[in-house]
Structures are given as structure tokens and as C-alpha cells.
Amino acid sequence: MEIKRLWEQDVPQVQALLMDVVSRLPSDALYSTDRLEALYEYVEQKGEMYGVYQGDALVAYTVIAFPGFSASNLGREFGVPEAELPRVASLEGTIVHESVRGQGLQRRFHAWREQRAREKDMLYLYATVHPDNAVSRQNLEAAGLTLQFSRPMYGGLPRHCFAKKLF
């Protein structure tokens, strides 16, 4: 399966896949869903989105954000100096449909997003994950991110906060 960059015209498929997969999670707290506007922001200005198709169907996608000085920059949570905030990248949502799980897509996505962050000269890579999401935690650790702290985020949802310094 090939990883392809997604664009504005792909956002409706992304949202449909997101809502489909999240609807079957055992708890709403496991995944913080992005607003539709945020998905468009990722492809238009604040990041990049990549997907994997099986035939014509989007079966997985991932997001890397380059938030700059915006309020959503996770660097502030980690104490990054204001002047270095433009060098923060964050691993935002990854969704993998059940039909293609177990094929290493999340790990491939992590490697791809880290490569993109390095190409953009980012210094810090951050991610958050629900404490009960063992697969995502293991994949973040396998990608070299380390748990820094845990606290409520996104309206009170419990999250582990992971970090990796790139340079």
C-alpha cells in the first residue's frame, strides 16, 4: 500500500473514515476527533495529511501539524521557548480501518511524518495518546518518542504526552 499526500478534495473521505472508525471504539475518550474545519486547516496551511487507499477507498490516514505560533502548538505544554515554536511538529490523528490493521501502517506513518518534520527542519516532535490506547503508545515508543508526562487535555480527556528531539 502506497502512502499518498491528501488534499482539500480528500477531506470528505477523511472525515467519513474518521467517523466510521471512531463510532466503533469502546469509548469516546480514546480519540479526540478533529472538527471538519481543522481537517481542512491541516491540508491548507497548518500541516500535511497522508492516506492509504485500497482500490478507491481510503482505509487509513495520518496528520502531521506544523502549528507555528498558533494556540494549538503542543510545544507550549512541553516548555518550548516562544522563539522555537515554529520548529515544533506534532503527530496529530491517525486512523486505520479495521480491515487493514496489523500491517504496520501506523509505524510507517510515524516514520513518514518524522521524515517530513526533518525535511522541514523541525526541532521537536510531539504526540498525545489516551493511556488505554496500548497499540498507539507502543508505536510511538517504537518510533523513539518518550513519555514526558500525563494530564487531562482536549476538554478533560486523559492523555500521555510523548516527545522526541529531532536535531
N, C-alpha and C. Protein backbone atom coordinates (compact mmCIF):
# COMPACT_ATOMS: atom_id res chain seq x y z
N MET A 1 0.84 -1.19 0.00
CA MET A 1 0.00 0.00 0.00
C MET A 1 0.88 1.24 0.00
N GLU A 2 0.54 2.16 -0.85
CA GLU A 2 1.32 3.37 -1.04
C GLU A 2 0.73 4.53 -0.22
N ILE A 3 1.62 5.29 0.40
CA ILE A 3 1.20 6.49 1.13
C ILE A 3 1.15 7.65 0.16
N LYS A 4 0.00 8.34 0.13
CA LYS A 4 -0.20 9.47 -0.78
C LYS A 4 -0.57 10.71 0.02
N ARG A 5 -0.10 11.85 -0.44
CA ARG A 5 -0.48 13.11 0.19
C ARG A 5 -1.95 13.38 -0.12
N LEU A 6 -2.67 13.84 0.89
CA LEU A 6 -4.08 14.16 0.73
C LEU A 6 -4.25 15.67 0.64
N TRP A 7 -5.29 16.07 -0.06
CA TRP A 7 -5.55 17.49 -0.30
C TRP A 7 -6.98 17.84 0.06
N GLU A 8 -7.36 19.06 -0.18
CA GLU A 8 -8.68 19.57 0.20
C GLU A 8 -9.81 18.67 -0.31
N GLN A 9 -9.71 18.21 -1.53
CA GLN A 9 -10.78 17.38 -2.09
C GLN A 9 -10.90 16.02 -1.41
N ASP A 10 -9.87 15.62 -0.65
CA ASP A 10 -9.89 14.33 0.04
C ASP A 10 -10.51 14.41 1.45
N VAL A 11 -10.69 15.62 1.95
CA VAL A 11 -11.16 15.79 3.34
C VAL A 11 -12.51 15.11 3.59
N PRO A 12 -13.49 15.15 2.68
CA PRO A 12 -14.74 14.43 2.97
C PRO A 12 -14.53 12.93 3.20
N GLN A 13 -13.63 12.31 2.44
CA GLN A 13 -13.33 10.89 2.66
C GLN A 13 -12.64 10.68 4.00
N VAL A 14 -11.75 11.60 4.36
CA VAL A 14 -11.06 11.53 5.65
C VAL A 14 -12.08 11.59 6.77
N GLN A 15 -12.99 12.56 6.70
CA GLN A 15 -14.00 12.70 7.75
C GLN A 15 -14.89 11.46 7.82
N ALA A 16 -15.27 10.91 6.68
CA ALA A 16 -16.12 9.71 6.68
C ALA A 16 -15.40 8.53 7.33
N LEU A 17 -14.12 8.34 7.00
CA LEU A 17 -13.34 7.26 7.62
C LEU A 17 -13.21 7.49 9.12
N LEU A 18 -12.91 8.71 9.51
CA LEU A 18 -12.78 9.06 10.93
C LEU A 18 -14.05 8.72 11.69
N MET A 19 -15.18 9.19 11.20
CA MET A 19 -16.45 8.97 11.91
C MET A 19 -16.79 7.47 11.95
N ASP A 20 -16.51 6.76 10.86
CA ASP A 20 -16.79 5.34 10.80
C ASP A 20 -15.98 4.57 11.84
N VAL A 21 -14.68 4.80 11.88
CA VAL A 21 -13.81 4.05 12.79
C VAL A 21 -14.08 4.45 14.24
N VAL A 22 -14.21 5.74 14.50
CA VAL A 22 -14.43 6.21 15.88
C VAL A 22 -15.77 5.71 16.42
N SER A 23 -16.75 5.53 15.56
CA SER A 23 -18.07 5.06 16.01
C SER A 23 -18.02 3.67 16.64
N ARG A 24 -16.96 2.92 16.34
CA ARG A 24 -16.84 1.56 16.89
C ARG A 24 -15.84 1.44 18.03
N LEU A 25 -15.26 2.54 18.45
CA LEU A 25 -14.33 2.49 19.59
C LEU A 25 -15.12 2.22 20.87
N PRO A 26 -14.53 1.55 21.83
CA PRO A 26 -15.25 1.24 23.07
C PRO A 26 -15.54 2.46 23.94
N SER A 27 -14.83 3.57 23.69
CA SER A 27 -15.05 4.78 24.49
C SER A 27 -14.76 6.02 23.64
N ASP A 28 -15.58 7.06 23.81
CA ASP A 28 -15.36 8.33 23.11
C ASP A 28 -14.08 9.01 23.56
N ALA A 29 -13.60 8.67 24.75
CA ALA A 29 -12.40 9.31 25.29
C ALA A 29 -11.12 8.85 24.59
N LEU A 30 -11.18 7.72 23.87
CA LEU A 30 -9.97 7.16 23.27
C LEU A 30 -9.42 8.01 22.13
N TYR A 31 -10.29 8.73 21.44
CA TYR A 31 -9.84 9.50 20.29
C TYR A 31 -10.54 10.85 20.29
N SER A 32 -9.76 11.89 20.24
CA SER A 32 -10.30 13.25 20.19
C SER A 32 -10.48 13.63 18.72
N THR A 33 -11.72 13.66 18.26
CA THR A 33 -11.98 13.91 16.85
C THR A 33 -11.80 15.37 16.50
N ASP A 34 -11.19 15.60 15.35
CA ASP A 34 -11.00 16.95 14.85
C ASP A 34 -12.29 17.48 14.25
N ARG A 35 -12.48 18.78 14.41
CA ARG A 35 -13.59 19.44 13.72
C ARG A 35 -13.28 19.41 12.22
N LEU A 36 -14.31 19.48 11.40
CA LEU A 36 -14.13 19.47 9.95
C LEU A 36 -13.21 20.62 9.52
N GLU A 37 -13.37 21.78 10.14
CA GLU A 37 -12.53 22.93 9.80
C GLU A 37 -11.06 22.63 10.06
N ALA A 38 -10.77 21.91 11.13
CA ALA A 38 -9.38 21.57 11.46
C ALA A 38 -8.79 20.66 10.40
N LEU A 39 -9.57 19.73 9.88
CA LEU A 39 -9.07 18.84 8.83
C LEU A 39 -8.67 19.66 7.60
N TYR A 40 -9.49 20.62 7.24
CA TYR A 40 -9.15 21.49 6.11
C TYR A 40 -7.90 22.33 6.41
N GLU A 41 -7.77 22.80 7.65
CA GLU A 41 -6.58 23.58 8.01
C GLU A 41 -5.31 22.76 7.85
N TYR A 42 -5.36 21.49 8.19
CA TYR A 42 -4.17 20.65 8.06
C TYR A 42 -3.69 20.57 6.61
N VAL A 43 -4.62 20.45 5.68
CA VAL A 43 -4.20 20.30 4.28
C VAL A 43 -3.94 21.64 3.61
N GLU A 44 -4.48 22.73 4.17
CA GLU A 44 -4.34 24.02 3.52
C GLU A 44 -3.19 24.85 4.07
N GLN A 45 -2.92 24.76 5.39
CA GLN A 45 -1.93 25.68 5.94
C GLN A 45 -1.17 25.20 7.16
N LYS A 46 -1.74 24.40 8.02
CA LYS A 46 -1.10 24.09 9.30
C LYS A 46 -0.49 22.70 9.38
N GLY A 47 -0.35 22.05 8.23
CA GLY A 47 0.22 20.71 8.30
C GLY A 47 0.10 19.98 6.99
N GLU A 48 0.19 18.67 7.10
CA GLU A 48 0.08 17.79 5.95
C GLU A 48 -0.71 16.56 6.36
N MET A 49 -1.44 16.01 5.41
CA MET A 49 -2.22 14.81 5.66
C MET A 49 -1.85 13.78 4.59
N TYR A 50 -1.71 12.53 5.03
CA TYR A 50 -1.34 11.44 4.13
C TYR A 50 -2.32 10.30 4.32
N GLY A 51 -2.58 9.57 3.23
CA GLY A 51 -3.54 8.47 3.31
C GLY A 51 -3.08 7.26 2.54
N VAL A 52 -3.75 6.16 2.82
CA VAL A 52 -3.53 4.91 2.12
C VAL A 52 -4.89 4.46 1.58
N TYR A 53 -4.89 4.09 0.32
CA TYR A 53 -6.11 3.63 -0.34
C TYR A 53 -6.02 2.15 -0.64
N GLN A 54 -7.18 1.51 -0.59
CA GLN A 54 -7.33 0.14 -1.05
C GLN A 54 -8.36 0.24 -2.17
N GLY A 55 -7.89 0.15 -3.40
CA GLY A 55 -8.76 0.47 -4.53
C GLY A 55 -9.06 1.96 -4.48
N ASP A 56 -10.35 2.30 -4.51
CA ASP A 56 -10.77 3.70 -4.44
C ASP A 56 -11.10 4.13 -3.01
N ALA A 57 -11.01 3.22 -2.07
CA ALA A 57 -11.44 3.51 -0.70
C ALA A 57 -10.25 3.93 0.18
N LEU A 58 -10.39 5.06 0.84
CA LEU A 58 -9.41 5.49 1.83
C LEU A 58 -9.55 4.57 3.04
N VAL A 59 -8.45 3.90 3.43
CA VAL A 59 -8.52 2.94 4.53
C VAL A 59 -7.68 3.38 5.73
N ALA A 60 -6.85 4.40 5.55
CA ALA A 60 -6.05 4.90 6.67
C ALA A 60 -5.57 6.31 6.31
N TYR A 61 -5.41 7.12 7.34
CA TYR A 61 -4.82 8.43 7.12
C TYR A 61 -4.08 8.87 8.37
N THR A 62 -3.22 9.86 8.20
CA THR A 62 -2.45 10.41 9.30
C THR A 62 -2.21 11.89 9.05
N VAL A 63 -1.94 12.62 10.14
CA VAL A 63 -1.73 14.06 10.05
C VAL A 63 -0.46 14.44 10.80
N ILE A 64 0.31 15.31 10.20
CA ILE A 64 1.40 15.98 10.90
C ILE A 64 1.08 17.47 10.86
N ALA A 65 1.17 18.12 12.01
CA ALA A 65 0.87 19.55 12.10
C ALA A 65 2.15 20.34 12.30
N PHE A 66 2.17 21.50 11.67
CA PHE A 66 3.23 22.49 11.85
C PHE A 66 2.54 23.75 12.34
N PRO A 67 2.26 23.82 13.65
CA PRO A 67 1.36 24.84 14.17
C PRO A 67 1.94 26.25 14.31
N GLY A 68 3.23 26.40 14.14
CA GLY A 68 3.81 27.75 14.26
C GLY A 68 3.53 28.36 15.62
N PHE A 69 3.07 29.59 15.62
CA PHE A 69 2.77 30.29 16.87
C PHE A 69 1.32 30.13 17.31
N SER A 70 0.54 29.27 16.63
CA SER A 70 -0.88 29.14 16.96
C SER A 70 -1.08 28.61 18.38
N ALA A 71 -2.28 28.82 18.89
CA ALA A 71 -2.62 28.38 20.24
C ALA A 71 -2.57 26.87 20.39
N SER A 72 -2.67 26.14 19.29
CA SER A 72 -2.69 24.67 19.35
C SER A 72 -1.29 24.06 19.38
N ASN A 73 -0.25 24.86 19.43
CA ASN A 73 1.12 24.33 19.43
C ASN A 73 1.41 23.62 20.74
N LEU A 74 1.64 22.30 20.65
CA LEU A 74 1.94 21.49 21.84
C LEU A 74 3.26 21.87 22.50
N GLY A 75 4.11 22.57 21.78
CA GLY A 75 5.39 22.98 22.35
C GLY A 75 5.23 23.75 23.65
N ARG A 76 4.17 24.53 23.75
CA ARG A 76 3.93 25.29 24.99
C ARG A 76 3.71 24.35 26.17
N GLU A 77 3.06 23.21 25.94
CA GLU A 77 2.82 22.24 27.00
C GLU A 77 4.13 21.64 27.50
N PHE A 78 5.12 21.59 26.62
CA PHE A 78 6.41 20.98 26.93
C PHE A 78 7.47 22.01 27.32
N GLY A 79 7.09 23.29 27.37
CA GLY A 79 8.02 24.32 27.79
C GLY A 79 8.99 24.80 26.71
N VAL A 80 8.63 24.64 25.46
CA VAL A 80 9.48 25.12 24.37
C VAL A 80 9.51 26.65 24.40
N PRO A 81 10.69 27.25 24.30
CA PRO A 81 10.77 28.72 24.26
C PRO A 81 9.96 29.27 23.07
N GLU A 82 9.34 30.40 23.28
CA GLU A 82 8.48 31.01 22.25
C GLU A 82 9.19 31.13 20.89
N ALA A 83 10.44 31.48 20.90
CA ALA A 83 11.19 31.66 19.65
C ALA A 83 11.36 30.36 18.87
N GLU A 84 11.26 29.20 19.55
CA GLU A 84 11.43 27.92 18.88
C GLU A 84 10.11 27.26 18.49
N LEU A 85 8.98 27.88 18.80
CA LEU A 85 7.69 27.28 18.47
C LEU A 85 7.52 26.98 16.98
N PRO A 86 8.07 27.79 16.07
CA PRO A 86 7.93 27.45 14.65
C PRO A 86 8.66 26.16 14.25
N ARG A 87 9.48 25.62 15.14
CA ARG A 87 10.22 24.38 14.85
C ARG A 87 9.60 23.16 15.54
N VAL A 88 8.32 23.30 15.93
CA VAL A 88 7.57 22.20 16.55
C VAL A 88 6.67 21.55 15.51
N ALA A 89 6.71 20.23 15.47
CA ALA A 89 5.77 19.45 14.67
C ALA A 89 5.04 18.52 15.64
N SER A 90 3.77 18.27 15.35
CA SER A 90 3.04 17.34 16.21
C SER A 90 2.37 16.26 15.37
N LEU A 91 2.45 15.05 15.90
CA LEU A 91 1.79 13.91 15.29
C LEU A 91 0.33 13.96 15.72
N GLU A 92 -0.49 14.39 14.82
CA GLU A 92 -1.91 14.50 15.13
C GLU A 92 -2.57 13.16 14.85
N GLY A 93 -3.80 13.16 14.50
CA GLY A 93 -4.55 11.92 14.39
C GLY A 93 -4.06 10.94 13.35
N THR A 94 -4.18 9.68 13.68
CA THR A 94 -4.00 8.58 12.74
C THR A 94 -5.20 7.66 12.90
N ILE A 95 -5.81 7.32 11.78
CA ILE A 95 -6.94 6.40 11.77
C ILE A 95 -6.62 5.28 10.79
N VAL A 96 -6.79 4.05 11.25
CA VAL A 96 -6.58 2.87 10.40
C VAL A 96 -7.83 2.01 10.49
N HIS A 97 -8.46 1.78 9.36
CA HIS A 97 -9.67 0.94 9.33
C HIS A 97 -9.32 -0.47 9.78
N GLU A 98 -10.26 -1.10 10.45
CA GLU A 98 -10.04 -2.44 10.99
C GLU A 98 -9.60 -3.44 9.91
N SER A 99 -10.04 -3.27 8.69
CA SER A 99 -9.73 -4.22 7.62
C SER A 99 -8.26 -4.23 7.23
N VAL A 100 -7.50 -3.20 7.62
CA VAL A 100 -6.07 -3.15 7.25
C VAL A 100 -5.17 -3.02 8.47
N ARG A 101 -5.72 -3.24 9.65
CA ARG A 101 -4.88 -3.20 10.86
C ARG A 101 -3.94 -4.39 10.88
N GLY A 102 -2.83 -4.22 11.59
CA GLY A 102 -1.87 -5.29 11.72
C GLY A 102 -0.86 -5.35 10.58
N GLN A 103 -0.89 -4.37 9.70
CA GLN A 103 0.03 -4.35 8.56
C GLN A 103 1.14 -3.30 8.73
N GLY A 104 1.24 -2.73 9.92
CA GLY A 104 2.31 -1.78 10.20
C GLY A 104 2.09 -0.38 9.66
N LEU A 105 0.85 -0.04 9.34
CA LEU A 105 0.60 1.28 8.76
C LEU A 105 0.91 2.41 9.73
N GLN A 106 0.54 2.26 10.99
CA GLN A 106 0.80 3.34 11.94
C GLN A 106 2.30 3.57 12.09
N ARG A 107 3.09 2.51 12.13
CA ARG A 107 4.55 2.67 12.22
C ARG A 107 5.11 3.32 10.95
N ARG A 108 4.60 2.92 9.79
CA ARG A 108 5.04 3.57 8.54
C ARG A 108 4.68 5.05 8.55
N PHE A 109 3.48 5.35 9.03
CA PHE A 109 3.05 6.75 9.13
C PHE A 109 3.99 7.54 10.05
N HIS A 110 4.36 6.95 11.20
CA HIS A 110 5.27 7.64 12.12
C HIS A 110 6.59 7.96 11.42
N ALA A 111 7.15 6.98 10.74
CA ALA A 111 8.42 7.19 10.05
C ALA A 111 8.28 8.26 8.97
N TRP A 112 7.21 8.21 8.23
CA TRP A 112 6.98 9.19 7.16
C TRP A 112 6.85 10.60 7.74
N ARG A 113 6.07 10.74 8.82
CA ARG A 113 5.87 12.07 9.40
C ARG A 113 7.18 12.60 10.01
N GLU A 114 7.97 11.74 10.63
CA GLU A 114 9.24 12.20 11.16
C GLU A 114 10.15 12.66 10.02
N GLN A 115 10.16 11.93 8.94
CA GLN A 115 10.95 12.33 7.78
C GLN A 115 10.51 13.72 7.29
N ARG A 116 9.21 13.93 7.19
CA ARG A 116 8.69 15.23 6.75
C ARG A 116 9.10 16.34 7.73
N ALA A 117 9.05 16.06 9.03
CA ALA A 117 9.46 17.05 10.03
C ALA A 117 10.93 17.40 9.88
N ARG A 118 11.75 16.40 9.66
CA ARG A 118 13.19 16.65 9.47
C ARG A 118 13.43 17.47 8.19
N GLU A 119 12.71 17.14 7.12
CA GLU A 119 12.85 17.89 5.87
C GLU A 119 12.46 19.36 6.04
N LYS A 120 11.54 19.63 6.95
CA LYS A 120 11.10 21.00 7.22
C LYS A 120 11.92 21.65 8.34
N ASP A 121 13.00 20.97 8.77
CA ASP A 121 13.92 21.49 9.77
C ASP A 121 13.25 21.71 11.14
N MET A 122 12.30 20.83 11.46
CA MET A 122 11.67 20.90 12.78
C MET A 122 12.65 20.38 13.82
N LEU A 123 12.57 20.91 15.01
CA LEU A 123 13.46 20.53 16.10
C LEU A 123 12.79 19.56 17.07
N TYR A 124 11.47 19.73 17.25
CA TYR A 124 10.73 18.94 18.23
C TYR A 124 9.58 18.21 17.55
N LEU A 125 9.31 16.99 18.02
CA LEU A 125 8.19 16.20 17.55
C LEU A 125 7.40 15.75 18.78
N TYR A 126 6.11 16.08 18.80
CA TYR A 126 5.27 15.77 19.96
C TYR A 126 4.04 14.98 19.54
N ALA A 127 3.48 14.25 20.49
CA ALA A 127 2.25 13.49 20.26
C ALA A 127 1.54 13.28 21.59
N THR A 128 0.23 13.12 21.52
CA THR A 128 -0.55 12.76 22.70
C THR A 128 -1.35 11.50 22.37
N VAL A 129 -1.60 10.71 23.40
CA VAL A 129 -2.36 9.46 23.20
C VAL A 129 -3.09 9.13 24.50
N HIS A 130 -4.25 8.54 24.36
CA HIS A 130 -5.01 8.10 25.53
C HIS A 130 -4.23 6.99 26.23
N PRO A 131 -4.17 6.99 27.55
CA PRO A 131 -3.42 5.96 28.29
C PRO A 131 -3.85 4.52 27.97
N ASP A 132 -5.11 4.31 27.59
CA ASP A 132 -5.59 2.96 27.29
C ASP A 132 -5.33 2.52 25.86
N ASN A 133 -4.76 3.39 25.03
CA ASN A 133 -4.51 3.05 23.63
C ASN A 133 -3.11 2.42 23.54
N ALA A 134 -3.03 1.16 23.91
CA ALA A 134 -1.75 0.46 24.02
C ALA A 134 -1.02 0.36 22.68
N VAL A 135 -1.73 0.11 21.60
CA VAL A 135 -1.07 -0.03 20.30
C VAL A 135 -0.41 1.29 19.89
N SER A 136 -1.12 2.39 20.03
CA SER A 136 -0.54 3.69 19.67
C SER A 136 0.63 4.05 20.58
N ARG A 137 0.51 3.76 21.86
CA ARG A 137 1.63 4.02 22.78
C ARG A 137 2.86 3.23 22.35
N GLN A 138 2.68 1.96 22.07
CA GLN A 138 3.81 1.11 21.65
C GLN A 138 4.42 1.60 20.35
N ASN A 139 3.59 2.05 19.42
CA ASN A 139 4.11 2.56 18.15
C ASN A 139 4.86 3.87 18.32
N LEU A 140 4.40 4.73 19.21
CA LEU A 140 5.14 5.97 19.49
C LEU A 140 6.50 5.64 20.10
N GLU A 141 6.51 4.72 21.04
CA GLU A 141 7.77 4.33 21.67
C GLU A 141 8.72 3.68 20.66
N ALA A 142 8.17 2.86 19.77
CA ALA A 142 8.99 2.23 18.73
C ALA A 142 9.59 3.27 17.78
N ALA A 143 8.91 4.40 17.64
CA ALA A 143 9.39 5.49 16.78
C ALA A 143 10.37 6.40 17.52
N GLY A 144 10.67 6.06 18.78
CA GLY A 144 11.66 6.81 19.52
C GLY A 144 11.12 7.97 20.33
N LEU A 145 9.80 8.11 20.42
CA LEU A 145 9.23 9.14 21.28
C LEU A 145 9.17 8.59 22.70
N THR A 146 9.36 9.46 23.67
CA THR A 146 9.34 9.03 25.07
C THR A 146 8.26 9.77 25.84
N LEU A 147 7.66 9.06 26.76
CA LEU A 147 6.61 9.63 27.61
C LEU A 147 7.24 10.69 28.51
N GLN A 148 6.68 11.89 28.48
CA GLN A 148 7.18 13.00 29.28
C GLN A 148 6.29 13.29 30.48
N PHE A 149 4.97 13.25 30.29
CA PHE A 149 4.03 13.49 31.38
C PHE A 149 2.64 13.06 30.93
N SER A 150 1.74 12.99 31.89
CA SER A 150 0.34 12.64 31.62
C SER A 150 -0.54 13.67 32.30
N ARG A 151 -1.60 14.07 31.60
CA ARG A 151 -2.53 15.03 32.19
C ARG A 151 -3.80 15.12 31.33
N PRO A 152 -4.86 15.69 31.87
CA PRO A 152 -6.07 15.88 31.06
C PRO A 152 -5.83 16.95 29.98
N MET A 153 -6.37 16.68 28.80
CA MET A 153 -6.28 17.62 27.67
C MET A 153 -7.58 17.51 26.87
N TYR A 154 -7.72 18.37 25.87
CA TYR A 154 -8.84 18.29 24.93
C TYR A 154 -10.18 18.21 25.66
N GLY A 155 -10.39 19.13 26.57
CA GLY A 155 -11.66 19.15 27.29
C GLY A 155 -11.73 18.15 28.43
N GLY A 156 -10.58 17.77 29.00
CA GLY A 156 -10.56 16.90 30.16
C GLY A 156 -10.28 15.44 29.89
N LEU A 157 -9.92 15.09 28.66
CA LEU A 157 -9.61 13.69 28.35
C LEU A 157 -8.20 13.35 28.83
N PRO A 158 -8.03 12.17 29.45
CA PRO A 158 -6.68 11.79 29.90
C PRO A 158 -5.76 11.55 28.71
N ARG A 159 -4.54 12.06 28.80
CA ARG A 159 -3.57 11.88 27.71
C ARG A 159 -2.17 11.69 28.25
N HIS A 160 -1.42 10.78 27.59
CA HIS A 160 0.01 10.67 27.77
C HIS A 160 0.63 11.59 26.72
N CYS A 161 1.66 12.33 27.10
CA CYS A 161 2.32 13.27 26.20
C CYS A 161 3.74 12.79 25.91
N PHE A 162 4.02 12.54 24.62
CA PHE A 162 5.28 12.00 24.17
C PHE A 162 6.08 13.05 23.42
N ALA A 163 7.41 12.90 23.44
CA ALA A 163 8.29 13.87 22.78
C ALA A 163 9.50 13.19 22.18
N LYS A 164 10.05 13.85 21.16
CA LYS A 164 11.30 13.43 20.55
C LYS A 164 11.99 14.69 20.02
N LYS A 165 13.26 14.85 20.38
CA LYS A 165 14.05 15.95 19.84
C LYS A 165 14.71 15.42 18.57
N LEU A 166 14.56 16.16 17.47
CA LEU A 166 14.99 15.67 16.16
C LEU A 166 16.44 16.01 15.84
N PHE A 167 16.93 17.14 16.29
CA PHE A 167 18.31 17.54 15.98
C PHE A 167 19.04 17.94 17.24
